[in-house]
Amino acid sequence: MAKSNLVSAMRKSAQPTPAAAVTPATSARPGRDHKSPITGFFGLDVKKQLRILAAEQSKTIQRLLSEALNDLFEKYKKPAIIPLDE
């Protein structure tokens, strides 16, 4: 009898969660709505230097990357579209 209770409990826990009960990921971080991460792979020395620069300038890495991307856009005659007041 104990074995059937275990099997029954395992089957219940394996049931998928209804979609209505799942909270969307965007609700936890509303500031990230309509945004997407941009990633790249660089050497550890690049990461270290970026972190040092951020500390020296009292800015976040996010802010420095925003500035750098806006500069890149302007270089290629595209509008600087990343707001720097965030």
N, C-alpha and C. Protein backbone atom coordinates (compact mmCIF):
# COMPACT_ATOMS: atom_id res chain seq x y z
N MET A 1 0.81 -1.20 0.00
CA MET A 1 0.00 0.00 0.00
C MET A 1 0.85 1.26 0.00
N ALA A 2 1.93 1.28 0.73
CA ALA A 2 2.80 2.44 0.78
C ALA A 2 3.40 2.73 -0.59
N LYS A 3 3.70 1.67 -1.34
CA LYS A 3 4.28 1.85 -2.66
C LYS A 3 3.31 2.55 -3.61
N SER A 4 2.03 2.21 -3.55
CA SER A 4 1.06 2.85 -4.43
C SER A 4 0.86 4.32 -4.05
N ASN A 5 0.97 4.64 -2.76
CA ASN A 5 0.88 6.04 -2.34
C ASN A 5 2.05 6.85 -2.90
N LEU A 6 3.23 6.25 -2.89
CA LEU A 6 4.41 6.91 -3.44
C LEU A 6 4.25 7.14 -4.93
N VAL A 7 3.81 6.12 -5.64
CA VAL A 7 3.59 6.23 -7.09
C VAL A 7 2.54 7.30 -7.37
N SER A 8 1.48 7.31 -6.60
CA SER A 8 0.43 8.30 -6.77
C SER A 8 0.96 9.72 -6.54
N ALA A 9 1.75 9.89 -5.51
CA ALA A 9 2.32 11.20 -5.21
C ALA A 9 3.27 11.65 -6.31
N MET A 10 4.05 10.72 -6.84
CA MET A 10 4.99 11.07 -7.92
C MET A 10 4.23 11.47 -9.18
N ARG A 11 3.14 10.79 -9.47
CA ARG A 11 2.36 11.14 -10.66
C ARG A 11 1.76 12.52 -10.52
N LYS A 12 1.26 12.85 -9.33
CA LYS A 12 0.67 14.18 -9.11
C LYS A 12 1.72 15.27 -9.26
N SER A 13 2.93 15.03 -8.74
CA SER A 13 3.96 16.06 -8.83
C SER A 13 4.49 16.21 -10.25
N ALA A 14 4.31 15.20 -11.08
CA ALA A 14 4.79 15.25 -12.46
C ALA A 14 3.81 15.96 -13.39
N GLN A 15 2.62 16.29 -12.89
CA GLN A 15 1.63 16.97 -13.71
C GLN A 15 2.12 18.37 -14.06
N PRO A 16 1.95 18.82 -15.31
CA PRO A 16 2.38 20.17 -15.68
C PRO A 16 1.56 21.22 -14.95
N THR A 17 2.20 22.34 -14.67
CA THR A 17 1.53 23.46 -14.01
C THR A 17 0.65 24.17 -15.03
N PRO A 18 -0.57 24.48 -14.70
CA PRO A 18 -1.43 25.21 -15.64
C PRO A 18 -0.81 26.56 -16.01
N ALA A 19 -0.98 26.97 -17.25
CA ALA A 19 -0.37 28.21 -17.73
C ALA A 19 -0.82 29.42 -16.92
N ALA A 20 -2.04 29.43 -16.44
CA ALA A 20 -2.54 30.56 -15.68
C ALA A 20 -1.80 30.74 -14.35
N ALA A 21 -1.26 29.65 -13.82
CA ALA A 21 -0.58 29.72 -12.53
C ALA A 21 0.87 30.18 -12.67
N VAL A 22 1.41 30.16 -13.87
CA VAL A 22 2.79 30.56 -14.09
C VAL A 22 2.84 32.07 -14.28
N THR A 23 3.65 32.74 -13.47
CA THR A 23 3.79 34.18 -13.62
C THR A 23 4.83 34.47 -14.70
N PRO A 24 4.57 35.42 -15.56
CA PRO A 24 5.54 35.73 -16.62
C PRO A 24 6.82 36.32 -16.03
N ALA A 25 7.93 36.04 -16.67
CA ALA A 25 9.22 36.50 -16.18
C ALA A 25 9.31 38.02 -16.16
N THR A 26 8.59 38.68 -17.04
CA THR A 26 8.68 40.13 -17.10
C THR A 26 8.09 40.82 -15.87
N SER A 27 7.19 40.16 -15.15
CA SER A 27 6.58 40.80 -14.00
C SER A 27 7.57 40.99 -12.86
N ALA A 28 8.58 40.16 -12.78
CA ALA A 28 9.56 40.27 -11.71
C ALA A 28 10.51 41.44 -11.92
N ARG A 29 10.76 41.80 -13.15
CA ARG A 29 11.68 42.87 -13.47
C ARG A 29 11.06 43.80 -14.52
N PRO A 30 10.13 44.65 -14.13
CA PRO A 30 9.45 45.49 -15.12
C PRO A 30 10.40 46.42 -15.89
N GLY A 31 11.52 46.79 -15.30
CA GLY A 31 12.48 47.63 -16.00
C GLY A 31 13.12 46.96 -17.19
N ARG A 32 12.96 45.66 -17.29
CA ARG A 32 13.54 44.92 -18.41
C ARG A 32 12.51 44.55 -19.47
N ASP A 33 11.28 45.00 -19.31
CA ASP A 33 10.27 44.75 -20.33
C ASP A 33 10.73 45.35 -21.65
N HIS A 34 10.50 44.63 -22.72
CA HIS A 34 10.82 45.07 -24.08
C HIS A 34 12.31 45.29 -24.28
N LYS A 35 13.13 44.59 -23.51
CA LYS A 35 14.58 44.68 -23.66
C LYS A 35 15.13 43.28 -23.83
N SER A 36 16.31 43.20 -24.42
CA SER A 36 16.93 41.91 -24.68
C SER A 36 18.42 42.00 -24.39
N PRO A 37 19.01 40.96 -23.80
CA PRO A 37 20.45 41.01 -23.54
C PRO A 37 21.25 40.92 -24.83
N ILE A 38 22.38 41.60 -24.85
CA ILE A 38 23.33 41.52 -25.96
C ILE A 38 24.62 40.99 -25.36
N THR A 39 25.13 39.91 -25.89
CA THR A 39 26.30 39.28 -25.29
C THR A 39 27.42 39.11 -26.30
N GLY A 40 28.61 38.90 -25.79
CA GLY A 40 29.78 38.60 -26.60
C GLY A 40 30.80 37.90 -25.73
N PHE A 41 31.73 37.23 -26.33
CA PHE A 41 32.76 36.53 -25.59
C PHE A 41 34.09 37.24 -25.80
N PHE A 42 34.68 37.65 -24.68
CA PHE A 42 35.95 38.37 -24.69
C PHE A 42 36.86 37.76 -23.63
N GLY A 43 38.12 38.08 -23.69
CA GLY A 43 39.06 37.57 -22.71
C GLY A 43 38.77 38.11 -21.32
N LEU A 44 39.25 37.41 -20.31
CA LEU A 44 39.05 37.84 -18.93
C LEU A 44 39.69 39.20 -18.67
N ASP A 45 40.76 39.51 -19.38
CA ASP A 45 41.40 40.81 -19.22
C ASP A 45 40.49 41.94 -19.67
N VAL A 46 39.65 41.70 -20.66
CA VAL A 46 38.69 42.70 -21.12
C VAL A 46 37.65 42.96 -20.03
N LYS A 47 37.15 41.89 -19.46
CA LYS A 47 36.16 42.03 -18.39
C LYS A 47 36.74 42.77 -17.20
N LYS A 48 37.96 42.42 -16.83
CA LYS A 48 38.62 43.06 -15.69
C LYS A 48 38.81 44.55 -15.96
N GLN A 49 39.27 44.89 -17.14
CA GLN A 49 39.51 46.29 -17.48
C GLN A 49 38.20 47.08 -17.50
N LEU A 50 37.15 46.48 -17.99
CA LEU A 50 35.85 47.14 -18.02
C LEU A 50 35.34 47.40 -16.60
N ARG A 51 35.52 46.43 -15.72
CA ARG A 51 35.10 46.60 -14.32
C ARG A 51 35.93 47.69 -13.63
N ILE A 52 37.23 47.74 -13.91
CA ILE A 52 38.09 48.77 -13.33
C ILE A 52 37.66 50.14 -13.84
N LEU A 53 37.42 50.25 -15.14
CA LEU A 53 36.98 51.52 -15.72
C LEU A 53 35.65 51.98 -15.12
N ALA A 54 34.73 51.05 -14.93
CA ALA A 54 33.45 51.39 -14.32
C ALA A 54 33.65 51.93 -12.91
N ALA A 55 34.52 51.31 -12.15
CA ALA A 55 34.79 51.78 -10.78
C ALA A 55 35.47 53.14 -10.80
N GLU A 56 36.43 53.32 -11.68
CA GLU A 56 37.15 54.61 -11.77
C GLU A 56 36.21 55.75 -12.15
N GLN A 57 35.25 55.47 -13.00
CA GLN A 57 34.34 56.50 -13.50
C GLN A 57 33.06 56.60 -12.65
N SER A 58 32.94 55.76 -11.65
CA SER A 58 31.72 55.69 -10.82
C SER A 58 30.47 55.50 -11.68
N LYS A 59 30.59 54.60 -12.62
CA LYS A 59 29.49 54.28 -13.52
C LYS A 59 29.29 52.77 -13.52
N THR A 60 28.13 52.35 -13.97
CA THR A 60 27.89 50.92 -14.11
C THR A 60 28.44 50.44 -15.45
N ILE A 61 28.66 49.15 -15.55
CA ILE A 61 29.07 48.57 -16.82
C ILE A 61 27.99 48.80 -17.86
N GLN A 62 26.73 48.71 -17.44
CA GLN A 62 25.59 48.98 -18.33
C GLN A 62 25.72 50.37 -18.95
N ARG A 63 26.04 51.36 -18.11
CA ARG A 63 26.17 52.74 -18.58
C ARG A 63 27.33 52.86 -19.57
N LEU A 64 28.46 52.27 -19.23
CA LEU A 64 29.61 52.34 -20.13
C LEU A 64 29.31 51.68 -21.47
N LEU A 65 28.65 50.53 -21.44
CA LEU A 65 28.30 49.85 -22.69
C LEU A 65 27.29 50.66 -23.50
N SER A 66 26.39 51.34 -22.82
CA SER A 66 25.43 52.20 -23.53
C SER A 66 26.16 53.32 -24.24
N GLU A 67 27.10 53.95 -23.55
CA GLU A 67 27.89 55.02 -24.16
C GLU A 67 28.67 54.49 -25.37
N ALA A 68 29.28 53.32 -25.20
CA ALA A 68 30.09 52.75 -26.27
C ALA A 68 29.24 52.40 -27.49
N LEU A 69 28.05 51.84 -27.27
CA LEU A 69 27.18 51.51 -28.40
C LEU A 69 26.68 52.76 -29.10
N ASN A 70 26.33 53.78 -28.34
CA ASN A 70 25.91 55.04 -28.98
C ASN A 70 27.04 55.62 -29.83
N ASP A 71 28.29 55.57 -29.32
CA ASP A 71 29.44 56.04 -30.09
C ASP A 71 29.60 55.22 -31.37
N LEU A 72 29.42 53.91 -31.27
CA LEU A 72 29.52 53.03 -32.43
C LEU A 72 28.44 53.36 -33.46
N PHE A 73 27.21 53.58 -32.99
CA PHE A 73 26.13 53.94 -33.91
C PHE A 73 26.45 55.23 -34.65
N GLU A 74 26.93 56.23 -33.91
CA GLU A 74 27.27 57.51 -34.54
C GLU A 74 28.40 57.35 -35.56
N LYS A 75 29.37 56.52 -35.25
CA LYS A 75 30.49 56.28 -36.16
C LYS A 75 29.98 55.78 -37.51
N TYR A 76 28.95 54.95 -37.48
CA TYR A 76 28.40 54.38 -38.70
C TYR A 76 27.14 55.11 -39.18
N LYS A 77 27.04 56.37 -38.79
CA LYS A 77 25.96 57.26 -39.25
C LYS A 77 24.57 56.74 -38.89
N LYS A 78 24.45 56.19 -37.71
CA LYS A 78 23.16 55.74 -37.18
C LYS A 78 22.84 56.60 -35.96
N PRO A 79 21.57 56.79 -35.66
CA PRO A 79 21.24 57.61 -34.49
C PRO A 79 21.64 56.92 -33.17
N ALA A 80 22.10 57.73 -32.24
CA ALA A 80 22.41 57.23 -30.89
C ALA A 80 21.07 57.07 -30.17
N ILE A 81 20.61 55.84 -30.02
CA ILE A 81 19.24 55.60 -29.56
C ILE A 81 19.14 55.09 -28.13
N ILE A 82 20.28 54.91 -27.47
CA ILE A 82 20.23 54.38 -26.09
C ILE A 82 20.21 55.55 -25.13
N PRO A 83 19.14 55.69 -24.35
CA PRO A 83 19.10 56.78 -23.38
C PRO A 83 20.14 56.55 -22.28
N LEU A 84 20.84 57.60 -21.91
CA LEU A 84 21.90 57.47 -20.90
C LEU A 84 21.42 57.90 -19.52
N ASP A 85 20.16 58.22 -19.38
CA ASP A 85 19.65 58.65 -18.09
C ASP A 85 19.09 57.50 -17.28
N GLU A 86 19.23 56.27 -17.74
CA GLU A 86 18.69 55.10 -17.01
C GLU A 86 19.64 54.66 -15.95
